[in-house]
């Protein structure tokens, strides 16, 4: 038997040690895994040591996780084929004649790019390299230019095929396809909010985002020719998401189709090379290994905490506030944003969702301001559970966008700074993020208040 300790002190000790070691700069995967093993040895029993293989092996053999390296490889191949450069060139030439057109083009390009890459790092860096200099050369307000890149890049965490959605589905034991379909409308809603804000701001203050000079604009014939250059990657996205949404293929099978398609598109654009394939493979290996090691470490850490009664302690603490289901959900959203200032998205998912999800499933969300809740009109307990999981899953992903933009340590802020010109300082990037952070909070509020924005499309797809 290990040492006895009250759950309050164990919570303080575990998460305090986690915070201190992370601030010391140690990798999340080894911090969580190492702490999990230490606490198991000190405070656990011999039988509880079985948590090590029992938490790791199911992830190692989970079929759905194999979609992650496939989608990452697909994104890496499209990036090396120059598709991202061509995409931005086409969209900014089409929209550049409008006030704020380059900023809107950046958001539109990021929205399309999100459906190619599934993670935000690639989108933030690519748009920072391509779009930011283009906007600054044309005298765009640096805050508007940086903000549009920051906000557009975070859409990769939400719009399918989101890697976060795949991991969430594995952790919460639900359908990846449901999460993909449920995230479509919220993703487009947020993209629309960003574009509406940029357009309104530039029409109120034309100097913030001037239109392209007349000599830089192109006619309709040239626009159609440019669109023809990116039709193959667009068709690839439609194919990959289409076979998922129609039920023809599972997300893993669709990822395989996308991987082959990315190689085919690279060949069509005459940019397929052995060196490019090697680079894409190494990128995939590094990213996949990082994700899996964090999964292993965090699952041991959280598994031990739950085994010691941590989940019940958190539930009793939250319910004891007397705030009701939506008040407790608000606390959870705030905790996730705070975690996002210090941890990456994989760590937040594996630390928070296994604790939060069971608590939420015990509650009855009846709706806000007279609108229906996520389970309105559903009597079957299994279907109510599925609706709650889907609703919270997408709400969680929307929230993760906020965590990426939250100063002082939001990851997207530093992705952009890594490629920004020297005159763009961190203070400028922080200020640029604030309006779009508020728009994300508005989008989160809309998704919580109107759950059918999430639930309607999956119900239509699966009703046929």
Protein backbone atom coordinates (compact mmCIF):
# COMPACT_ATOMS: atom_id res chain seq x y z
CA UNK A 1 0.00 0.00 0.00
CA UNK A 2 1.10 3.56 -0.75
CA UNK A 3 0.89 6.55 1.53
CA UNK A 4 -2.56 7.89 2.44
CA UNK A 5 -3.40 11.44 1.34
CA UNK A 6 -6.61 13.47 1.14
CA UNK A 7 -7.85 14.18 -2.38
CA UNK A 8 -7.63 17.97 -1.88
CA UNK A 9 -3.93 17.78 -1.05
CA UNK A 10 -3.33 15.22 -3.78
CA UNK A 11 -4.96 17.59 -6.30
CA UNK A 12 -2.81 20.46 -5.08
CA UNK A 13 0.34 18.35 -5.14
CA UNK A 14 -0.22 16.77 -8.57
CA UNK A 15 -1.25 19.86 -10.49
CA UNK A 16 1.15 22.10 -8.59
CA UNK A 17 4.07 19.83 -9.51
CA UNK A 18 2.78 19.71 -13.10
CA UNK A 19 2.71 23.51 -13.33
CA UNK A 20 6.17 23.97 -11.82
CA UNK A 21 7.82 21.41 -14.11
CA UNK A 22 6.12 22.81 -17.22
CA UNK A 23 7.25 26.34 -16.34
CA UNK A 24 10.76 24.92 -16.01
CA UNK A 25 10.54 24.05 -19.70
CA UNK A 26 10.28 20.26 -19.51
CA UNK A 27 8.29 18.42 -22.23
CA UNK A 28 4.61 17.82 -21.39
CA UNK A 29 4.65 14.14 -22.36
CA UNK A 30 7.49 13.22 -20.01
CA UNK A 31 6.29 15.51 -17.21
CA UNK A 32 2.81 13.99 -17.10
CA UNK A 33 4.01 10.43 -17.61
CA UNK A 34 6.84 10.77 -15.10
CA UNK A 35 4.64 12.40 -12.45
CA UNK A 36 1.97 9.76 -13.05
CA UNK A 37 4.48 6.97 -12.40
CA UNK A 38 5.91 8.70 -9.30
CA UNK A 39 2.49 9.30 -7.74
CA UNK A 40 1.46 5.73 -8.58
CA UNK A 41 4.52 4.42 -6.78
CA UNK A 42 4.23 6.73 -3.74
CA UNK A 43 0.46 6.87 -3.21
CA UNK A 44 -0.85 3.88 -5.14
CA UNK A 45 -1.01 0.16 -4.46
CA UNK A 46 0.61 -2.74 -6.27
CA UNK A 47 -2.65 -3.51 -8.11
CA UNK A 48 -2.96 0.11 -9.26
CA UNK A 49 0.37 -0.20 -11.09
CA UNK A 50 -1.64 -2.10 -13.71
CA UNK A 51 -2.88 1.31 -14.81
CA UNK A 52 0.32 1.74 -16.82
CA UNK A 53 -0.32 -0.94 -19.47
CA UNK A 54 -4.11 -0.67 -19.22
CA UNK A 55 -4.03 3.05 -20.13
CA UNK A 56 -1.41 2.82 -22.88
CA UNK A 57 -2.27 -0.34 -24.83
CA UNK A 58 -5.84 0.70 -25.80
CA UNK A 59 -4.46 3.85 -27.42
CA UNK A 60 -1.74 1.89 -29.21
CA UNK A 61 -4.35 -0.35 -30.81
CA UNK A 62 -7.10 2.24 -31.43
CA UNK A 63 -8.03 2.13 -35.12
CA UNK A 64 -9.31 5.72 -35.25
CA UNK A 65 -5.94 7.16 -34.20
CA UNK A 66 -4.37 5.89 -37.43
CA UNK A 67 -6.16 8.75 -39.21
CA UNK A 68 -3.83 11.26 -37.52
CA UNK A 69 -0.56 10.42 -39.33
CA UNK A 70 -2.47 10.04 -42.61
CA UNK A 71 -4.04 13.51 -42.41
CA UNK A 72 -0.74 15.04 -41.28
CA UNK A 73 1.04 13.45 -44.26
CA UNK A 74 -1.69 14.73 -46.59
CA UNK A 75 -1.19 18.27 -45.25
CA UNK A 76 2.60 18.03 -45.49
CA UNK A 77 2.46 16.88 -49.12
CA UNK A 78 0.06 19.66 -50.13
CA UNK A 79 2.27 22.22 -48.41
CA UNK A 80 5.37 21.02 -50.27
CA UNK A 81 3.45 21.06 -53.54
CA UNK A 82 3.05 24.84 -53.17
CA UNK A 83 -0.75 24.57 -52.89
CA UNK A 84 -0.90 27.02 -49.96
CA UNK A 85 0.98 29.70 -51.94
CA UNK A 86 -1.28 29.24 -54.97
CA UNK A 87 -4.41 29.24 -52.82
CA UNK A 88 -3.58 32.58 -51.20
CA UNK A 89 -2.57 34.13 -54.55
CA UNK A 90 -5.90 33.17 -56.09
CA UNK A 91 -8.10 34.30 -53.22
CA UNK A 92 -6.35 37.63 -52.65
CA UNK A 93 -6.52 38.50 -56.36
CA UNK A 94 -10.24 37.72 -56.38
CA UNK A 95 -11.05 39.69 -53.19
CA UNK A 96 -8.26 42.26 -53.26
CA UNK A 97 -10.41 44.91 -54.96
CA UNK A 98 -12.58 45.18 -51.84
CA UNK A 99 -11.72 47.21 -48.76
CA UNK A 100 -10.06 44.84 -46.33
CA UNK A 101 -9.96 42.34 -49.20
CA UNK A 102 -6.51 40.98 -48.35
CA UNK A 103 -7.49 40.38 -44.72
CA UNK A 104 -10.72 38.69 -45.85
CA UNK A 105 -8.73 36.67 -48.39
CA UNK A 106 -6.43 35.55 -45.58
CA UNK A 107 -9.42 34.31 -43.56
CA UNK A 108 -11.00 32.58 -46.59
CA UNK A 109 -7.66 30.96 -47.45
CA UNK A 110 -7.23 29.86 -43.84
CA UNK A 111 -10.74 28.36 -43.87
CA UNK A 112 -9.94 26.30 -46.96
CA UNK A 113 -6.50 25.51 -45.58
CA UNK A 114 -8.10 24.26 -42.35
CA UNK A 115 -9.89 21.61 -44.41
CA UNK A 116 -6.49 20.51 -45.74
CA UNK A 117 -4.23 20.50 -42.69
CA UNK A 118 -6.31 19.77 -39.57
CA UNK A 119 -3.90 21.63 -37.20
CA UNK A 120 -3.23 25.33 -36.68
CA UNK A 121 0.57 25.54 -36.67
CA UNK A 122 0.93 25.06 -40.44
CA UNK A 123 -1.80 27.59 -41.24
CA UNK A 124 -0.46 30.27 -38.88
CA UNK A 125 3.10 29.96 -40.18
CA UNK A 126 2.12 29.75 -43.86
CA UNK A 127 -0.22 32.75 -43.69
CA UNK A 128 2.33 34.65 -41.62
CA UNK A 129 4.92 34.15 -44.36
CA UNK A 130 2.59 34.82 -47.31
CA UNK A 131 -0.17 37.17 -46.18
CA UNK A 132 1.42 39.40 -43.55
CA UNK A 133 4.12 40.95 -45.80
CA UNK A 134 1.53 41.39 -48.58
CA UNK A 135 -0.80 43.33 -46.26
CA UNK A 136 1.95 45.42 -44.67
CA UNK A 137 3.27 46.42 -48.13
CA UNK A 138 -0.20 47.74 -48.94
CA UNK A 139 -0.38 49.81 -45.73
CA UNK A 140 -2.81 47.63 -43.80
CA UNK A 141 -3.21 48.34 -40.10
CA UNK A 142 -0.69 45.90 -38.51
CA UNK A 143 -3.25 44.94 -35.84
CA UNK A 144 -5.86 44.05 -38.45
CA UNK A 145 -3.31 42.18 -40.56
CA UNK A 146 -1.99 40.14 -37.63
CA UNK A 147 -5.45 39.55 -36.18
CA UNK A 148 -6.87 38.14 -39.41
CA UNK A 149 -3.97 35.67 -39.64
CA UNK A 150 -4.27 34.66 -35.98
CA UNK A 151 -8.03 34.12 -36.14
CA UNK A 152 -8.04 32.41 -39.54
CA UNK A 153 -5.24 30.06 -38.52
CA UNK A 154 -7.10 28.81 -35.45
CA UNK A 155 -9.92 27.46 -37.66
CA UNK A 156 -7.71 24.43 -38.30
CA UNK A 157 -8.55 23.18 -34.81
CA UNK A 158 -12.28 23.11 -35.63
CA UNK A 159 -13.01 22.63 -39.32
CA UNK A 160 -12.80 18.97 -40.45
CA UNK A 161 -10.59 17.02 -40.82
CA UNK A 162 -9.49 18.39 -37.45
CA UNK A 163 -6.86 16.30 -35.65
CA UNK A 164 -8.36 17.56 -32.37
CA UNK A 165 -11.74 16.06 -33.34
CA UNK A 166 -10.12 12.66 -33.92
CA UNK A 167 -8.40 12.72 -30.52
CA UNK A 168 -11.53 13.98 -28.76
CA UNK A 169 -13.56 11.16 -30.29
CA UNK A 170 -11.03 8.58 -29.09
CA UNK A 171 -10.90 9.98 -25.54
CA UNK A 172 -14.68 10.49 -25.27
CA UNK A 173 -15.49 7.21 -27.08
CA UNK A 174 -17.70 8.72 -29.77
CA UNK A 175 -17.91 8.93 -33.55
CA UNK A 176 -15.25 10.94 -35.39
CA UNK A 177 -17.65 11.40 -38.30
CA UNK A 178 -20.28 12.98 -36.01
CA UNK A 179 -17.74 15.49 -34.70
CA UNK A 180 -16.54 16.33 -38.20
CA UNK A 181 -20.07 17.00 -39.43
CA UNK A 182 -21.11 18.85 -36.26
CA UNK A 183 -18.14 21.22 -36.53
CA UNK A 184 -18.89 22.39 -40.08
CA UNK A 185 -21.53 25.05 -39.31
CA UNK A 186 -19.73 26.47 -36.22
CA UNK A 187 -16.50 26.63 -38.24
CA UNK A 188 -18.17 28.53 -41.09
CA UNK A 189 -19.99 30.73 -38.54
CA UNK A 190 -16.70 31.81 -36.96
CA UNK A 191 -15.10 32.38 -40.35
CA UNK A 192 -18.09 34.53 -41.30
CA UNK A 193 -17.84 36.54 -38.06
CA UNK A 194 -14.16 37.26 -38.75
CA UNK A 195 -14.84 38.39 -42.32
CA UNK A 196 -17.82 40.53 -41.24
CA UNK A 197 -15.69 42.27 -38.60
CA UNK A 198 -12.82 42.92 -41.01
CA UNK A 199 -15.16 44.25 -43.71
CA UNK A 200 -17.10 46.49 -41.33
CA UNK A 201 -13.93 47.88 -39.79
CA UNK A 202 -12.38 48.65 -43.17
CA UNK A 203 -15.51 50.37 -44.48
CA UNK A 204 -15.72 52.47 -41.32
CA UNK A 205 -12.00 53.23 -41.53
CA UNK A 206 -10.75 52.74 -45.14
CA UNK A 207 -7.14 53.37 -44.11
CA UNK A 208 -7.16 50.20 -41.98
CA UNK A 209 -7.43 47.96 -45.04
CA UNK A 210 -7.20 49.75 -48.41
CA UNK A 211 -8.31 47.99 -51.58
CA UNK A 212 -5.74 46.86 -54.12
CA UNK A 213 -4.61 49.50 -56.60
CA UNK A 214 -6.50 49.34 -59.90
CA UNK A 215 -3.40 48.18 -61.80
CA UNK A 216 -3.05 45.17 -59.45
CA UNK A 217 -6.58 43.91 -59.99
CA UNK A 218 -7.49 41.19 -62.48
CA UNK A 219 -10.53 40.78 -64.72
CA UNK A 220 -13.15 38.02 -64.61
CA UNK A 221 -11.36 35.89 -67.23
CA UNK A 222 -8.12 35.97 -65.24
CA UNK A 223 -9.98 35.14 -62.01
CA UNK A 224 -11.52 32.07 -63.65
CA UNK A 225 -8.10 31.02 -64.94
CA UNK A 226 -6.63 31.36 -61.45
CA UNK A 227 -9.46 29.29 -59.97
CA UNK A 228 -8.64 26.53 -62.43
CA UNK A 229 -5.17 26.30 -60.90
CA UNK A 230 -6.47 25.29 -57.47
CA UNK A 231 -9.43 23.16 -58.56
CA UNK A 232 -7.61 19.87 -57.90
CA UNK A 233 -6.84 20.47 -54.18
CA UNK A 234 -10.38 21.80 -53.69
CA UNK A 235 -11.79 18.64 -55.29
CA UNK A 236 -9.52 16.57 -53.03
CA UNK A 237 -10.99 18.25 -49.95
CA UNK A 238 -14.53 17.75 -51.24
CA UNK A 239 -13.77 14.09 -51.96
CA UNK A 240 -12.23 13.39 -48.53
CA UNK A 241 -14.98 15.12 -46.56
CA UNK A 242 -17.69 13.90 -48.93
CA UNK A 243 -16.93 10.21 -48.42
CA UNK A 244 -17.00 10.80 -44.64
CA UNK A 245 -20.24 12.81 -44.59
CA UNK A 246 -22.09 10.41 -46.91
CA UNK A 247 -20.94 7.39 -44.91
CA UNK A 248 -19.14 5.83 -47.87
CA UNK A 249 -15.88 5.62 -45.91
CA UNK A 250 -14.73 5.95 -42.32
CA UNK A 251 -12.46 8.89 -41.40
CA UNK A 252 -9.48 6.54 -41.43
CA UNK A 253 -10.32 5.29 -44.93
CA UNK A 254 -10.94 8.87 -46.06
CA UNK A 255 -7.54 9.85 -44.67
CA UNK A 256 -5.98 7.11 -46.79
CA UNK A 257 -7.79 8.46 -49.85
CA UNK A 258 -6.57 11.96 -48.98
CA UNK A 259 -2.98 10.77 -48.64
CA UNK A 260 -3.03 9.17 -52.08
CA UNK A 261 -4.83 12.22 -53.46
CA UNK A 262 -2.20 14.60 -52.06
CA UNK A 263 0.55 12.65 -53.83
CA UNK A 264 -1.53 12.72 -57.05
CA UNK A 265 -2.14 16.50 -56.77
CA UNK A 266 1.58 17.09 -56.16
CA UNK A 267 2.37 15.12 -59.31
CA UNK A 268 -0.22 17.07 -61.32
CA UNK A 269 1.42 20.33 -60.21
CA UNK A 270 4.83 18.87 -61.23
CA UNK A 271 6.15 19.20 -57.67
CA UNK A 272 6.35 15.58 -56.63
CA UNK A 273 9.89 14.63 -55.69
CA UNK A 274 11.56 11.99 -53.57
CA UNK A 275 13.03 14.70 -51.33
CA UNK A 276 9.57 16.18 -50.80
CA UNK A 277 8.12 12.79 -49.86
CA UNK A 278 10.98 12.24 -47.40
CA UNK A 279 10.41 15.66 -45.77
CA UNK A 280 6.66 15.03 -45.52
CA UNK A 281 7.29 11.62 -43.98
CA UNK A 282 9.67 13.03 -41.35
CA UNK A 283 7.18 15.81 -40.52
CA UNK A 284 4.47 13.20 -40.09
CA UNK A 285 6.71 11.03 -37.90
CA UNK A 286 7.65 13.90 -35.58
CA UNK A 287 4.09 15.22 -35.23
CA UNK A 288 2.53 11.78 -34.72
CA UNK A 289 5.16 10.73 -32.18
CA UNK A 290 4.64 13.96 -30.25
CA UNK A 291 0.88 13.40 -30.11
CA UNK A 292 1.18 9.76 -29.05
CA UNK A 293 3.75 10.40 -26.31
CA UNK A 294 1.55 13.14 -24.85
CA UNK A 295 -1.41 10.74 -25.00
CA UNK A 296 0.53 8.08 -23.09
CA UNK A 297 1.86 10.45 -20.42
CA UNK A 298 -1.32 12.42 -19.83
CA UNK A 299 -3.53 9.31 -19.75
CA UNK A 300 -1.37 7.81 -16.94
CA UNK A 301 -1.45 11.09 -14.99
CA UNK A 302 -5.22 11.58 -15.32
CA UNK A 303 -5.95 7.87 -14.90
CA UNK A 304 -4.27 7.81 -11.49
CA UNK A 305 -6.02 11.04 -10.44
CA UNK A 306 -9.44 9.64 -11.39
CA UNK A 307 -8.64 6.35 -9.62
CA UNK A 308 -7.94 8.28 -6.42
CA UNK A 309 -11.35 9.97 -6.57
CA UNK A 310 -10.28 13.11 -8.39
CA UNK A 311 -13.26 13.12 -10.74
CA UNK A 312 -15.71 12.89 -7.85
CA UNK A 313 -13.81 15.66 -6.01
CA UNK A 314 -14.00 17.98 -9.02
CA UNK A 315 -17.69 17.16 -9.56
CA UNK A 316 -18.57 17.84 -5.91
CA UNK A 317 -16.56 21.09 -5.97
CA UNK A 318 -18.28 22.34 -9.11
CA UNK A 319 -21.77 21.29 -8.04
CA UNK A 320 -21.12 22.81 -4.61
CA UNK A 321 -20.85 26.24 -6.23
CA UNK A 322 -24.63 26.13 -6.75
CA UNK A 323 -24.32 27.74 -10.19
CA UNK A 324 -26.37 25.18 -12.11
CA UNK A 325 -25.42 23.34 -15.32
CA UNK A 326 -24.68 26.41 -17.47
CA UNK A 327 -22.76 28.10 -14.67
CA UNK A 328 -20.63 24.99 -14.25
CA UNK A 329 -20.11 24.85 -18.03
CA UNK A 330 -18.94 28.49 -17.89
CA UNK A 331 -16.38 27.60 -15.19
CA UNK A 332 -15.13 24.73 -17.35
CA UNK A 333 -14.78 27.04 -20.37
CA UNK A 334 -12.75 29.53 -18.30
CA UNK A 335 -10.51 26.73 -16.98
CA UNK A 336 -9.88 25.54 -20.55
CA UNK A 337 -8.91 29.04 -21.70
CA UNK A 338 -6.52 29.39 -18.75
CA UNK A 339 -4.99 25.98 -19.49
CA UNK A 340 -4.55 27.08 -23.09
CA UNK A 341 -2.21 29.84 -21.95
CA UNK A 342 0.28 27.22 -20.73
CA UNK A 343 -0.41 23.84 -22.36
CA UNK A 344 -0.79 22.62 -25.93
CA UNK A 345 -4.12 21.34 -27.22
CA UNK A 346 -3.28 17.64 -26.85
CA UNK A 347 -2.37 18.05 -23.18
CA UNK A 348 -5.50 20.09 -22.41
CA UNK A 349 -7.70 17.48 -24.07
CA UNK A 350 -6.23 14.57 -22.15
CA UNK A 351 -6.10 16.38 -18.80
CA UNK A 352 -9.54 18.04 -18.87
CA UNK A 353 -11.98 16.03 -21.01
CA UNK A 354 -11.81 12.72 -19.06
CA UNK A 355 -12.71 14.70 -15.92
CA UNK A 356 -15.24 17.16 -17.39
CA UNK A 357 -17.22 14.89 -19.71
CA UNK A 358 -18.67 12.50 -17.05
CA UNK A 359 -19.69 15.52 -14.94
CA UNK A 360 -21.55 17.14 -17.84
CA UNK A 361 -23.32 13.90 -18.79
CA UNK A 362 -24.91 13.83 -15.32
CA UNK A 363 -26.49 17.27 -15.82
CA UNK A 364 -29.64 18.39 -17.60
CA UNK A 365 -29.11 21.34 -19.96
CA UNK A 366 -32.63 22.64 -20.56
CA UNK A 367 -31.67 25.67 -22.64
CA UNK A 368 -30.92 29.38 -22.27
CA UNK A 369 -33.13 32.44 -22.86
CA UNK A 370 -36.11 30.30 -23.84
CA UNK A 371 -34.22 28.32 -26.51
CA UNK A 372 -34.05 24.52 -26.41
CA UNK A 373 -31.12 22.68 -24.85
CA UNK A 374 -29.04 20.06 -26.66
CA UNK A 375 -31.26 17.14 -25.62
CA UNK A 376 -34.67 18.78 -26.19
CA UNK A 377 -37.20 16.33 -27.61
CA UNK A 378 -34.93 13.29 -27.12
CA UNK A 379 -36.28 10.60 -24.81
CA UNK A 380 -33.91 7.72 -25.56
CA UNK A 381 -31.10 7.80 -22.92
CA UNK A 382 -28.45 6.61 -25.40
CA UNK A 383 -29.38 9.26 -27.96
CA UNK A 384 -29.42 11.93 -25.24
CA UNK A 385 -25.93 10.90 -24.27
CA UNK A 386 -24.76 11.00 -27.91
CA UNK A 387 -26.27 14.47 -28.41
CA UNK A 388 -24.59 15.77 -25.23
CA UNK A 389 -21.22 14.32 -26.23
CA UNK A 390 -21.45 15.81 -29.72
CA UNK A 391 -22.58 19.22 -28.44
CA UNK A 392 -19.87 19.43 -25.80
CA UNK A 393 -17.24 18.10 -28.21
CA UNK A 394 -17.79 20.91 -30.70
CA UNK A 395 -18.20 23.53 -27.93
CA UNK A 396 -14.88 22.31 -26.56
CA UNK A 397 -13.19 22.69 -29.96
CA UNK A 398 -14.57 26.23 -30.36
CA UNK A 399 -13.18 27.01 -26.91
CA UNK A 400 -9.77 25.67 -27.91
CA UNK A 401 -9.56 28.40 -30.55
CA UNK A 402 -9.80 30.94 -27.73
CA UNK A 403 -7.02 29.21 -25.81
CA UNK A 404 -4.70 29.58 -28.81
CA UNK A 405 -5.23 33.35 -28.92
CA UNK A 406 -5.18 34.04 -25.17
CA UNK A 407 -2.23 36.21 -24.08
CA UNK A 408 0.35 35.86 -22.70
CA UNK A 409 1.19 32.31 -23.81
CA UNK A 410 -1.37 31.40 -26.50
CA UNK A 411 0.43 29.17 -29.00
CA UNK A 412 -0.89 30.96 -32.11
CA UNK A 413 0.66 34.23 -30.93
CA UNK A 414 4.12 32.71 -30.93
CA UNK A 415 3.61 30.84 -34.21
CA UNK A 416 2.96 34.19 -35.87
CA UNK A 417 5.80 35.98 -34.09
CA UNK A 418 8.24 33.31 -35.31
CA UNK A 419 7.69 34.41 -38.95
CA UNK A 420 6.64 38.07 -38.53
CA UNK A 421 8.91 40.93 -39.68
CA UNK A 422 11.08 42.49 -36.93
CA UNK A 423 8.88 45.60 -36.72
CA UNK A 424 5.94 43.47 -35.56
CA UNK A 425 6.48 43.02 -31.82
CA UNK A 426 4.67 40.80 -29.34
CA UNK A 427 2.71 43.79 -28.01
CA UNK A 428 1.26 44.38 -31.49
CA UNK A 429 0.34 40.69 -31.82
CA UNK A 430 -1.28 40.65 -28.36
CA UNK A 431 -3.41 43.70 -29.18
CA UNK A 432 -4.29 42.26 -32.60
CA UNK A 433 -5.66 39.11 -30.97
CA UNK A 434 -8.11 40.84 -28.60
CA UNK A 435 -10.97 41.74 -31.05
CA UNK A 436 -10.87 38.27 -32.58
CA UNK A 437 -10.73 36.66 -29.14
CA UNK A 438 -13.98 38.51 -28.35
CA UNK A 439 -15.47 37.26 -31.64
CA UNK A 440 -14.51 33.70 -30.65
CA UNK A 441 -16.20 34.22 -27.28
CA UNK A 442 -19.30 35.39 -29.17
CA UNK A 443 -19.14 32.29 -31.39
CA UNK A 444 -18.80 30.09 -28.30
CA UNK A 445 -21.82 31.79 -26.70
CA UNK A 446 -23.87 31.26 -29.89
CA UNK A 447 -22.94 27.54 -30.03
CA UNK A 448 -23.92 27.07 -26.37
CA UNK A 449 -27.18 29.02 -26.72
CA UNK A 450 -28.21 27.46 -30.05
CA UNK A 451 -27.03 23.81 -29.86
CA UNK A 452 -28.89 22.96 -33.07
CA UNK A 453 -26.13 24.77 -34.97
CA UNK A 454 -24.03 21.77 -33.98
CA UNK A 455 -26.65 19.01 -33.91
CA UNK A 456 -28.77 19.82 -36.97
CA UNK A 457 -26.38 18.81 -39.77
CA UNK A 458 -25.45 15.42 -38.25
CA UNK A 459 -29.15 14.68 -37.72
CA UNK A 460 -29.83 15.48 -41.41
CA UNK A 461 -26.91 13.41 -42.66
CA UNK A 462 -27.83 10.34 -40.62
CA UNK A 463 -31.58 10.60 -41.14
CA UNK A 464 -31.22 9.61 -44.79
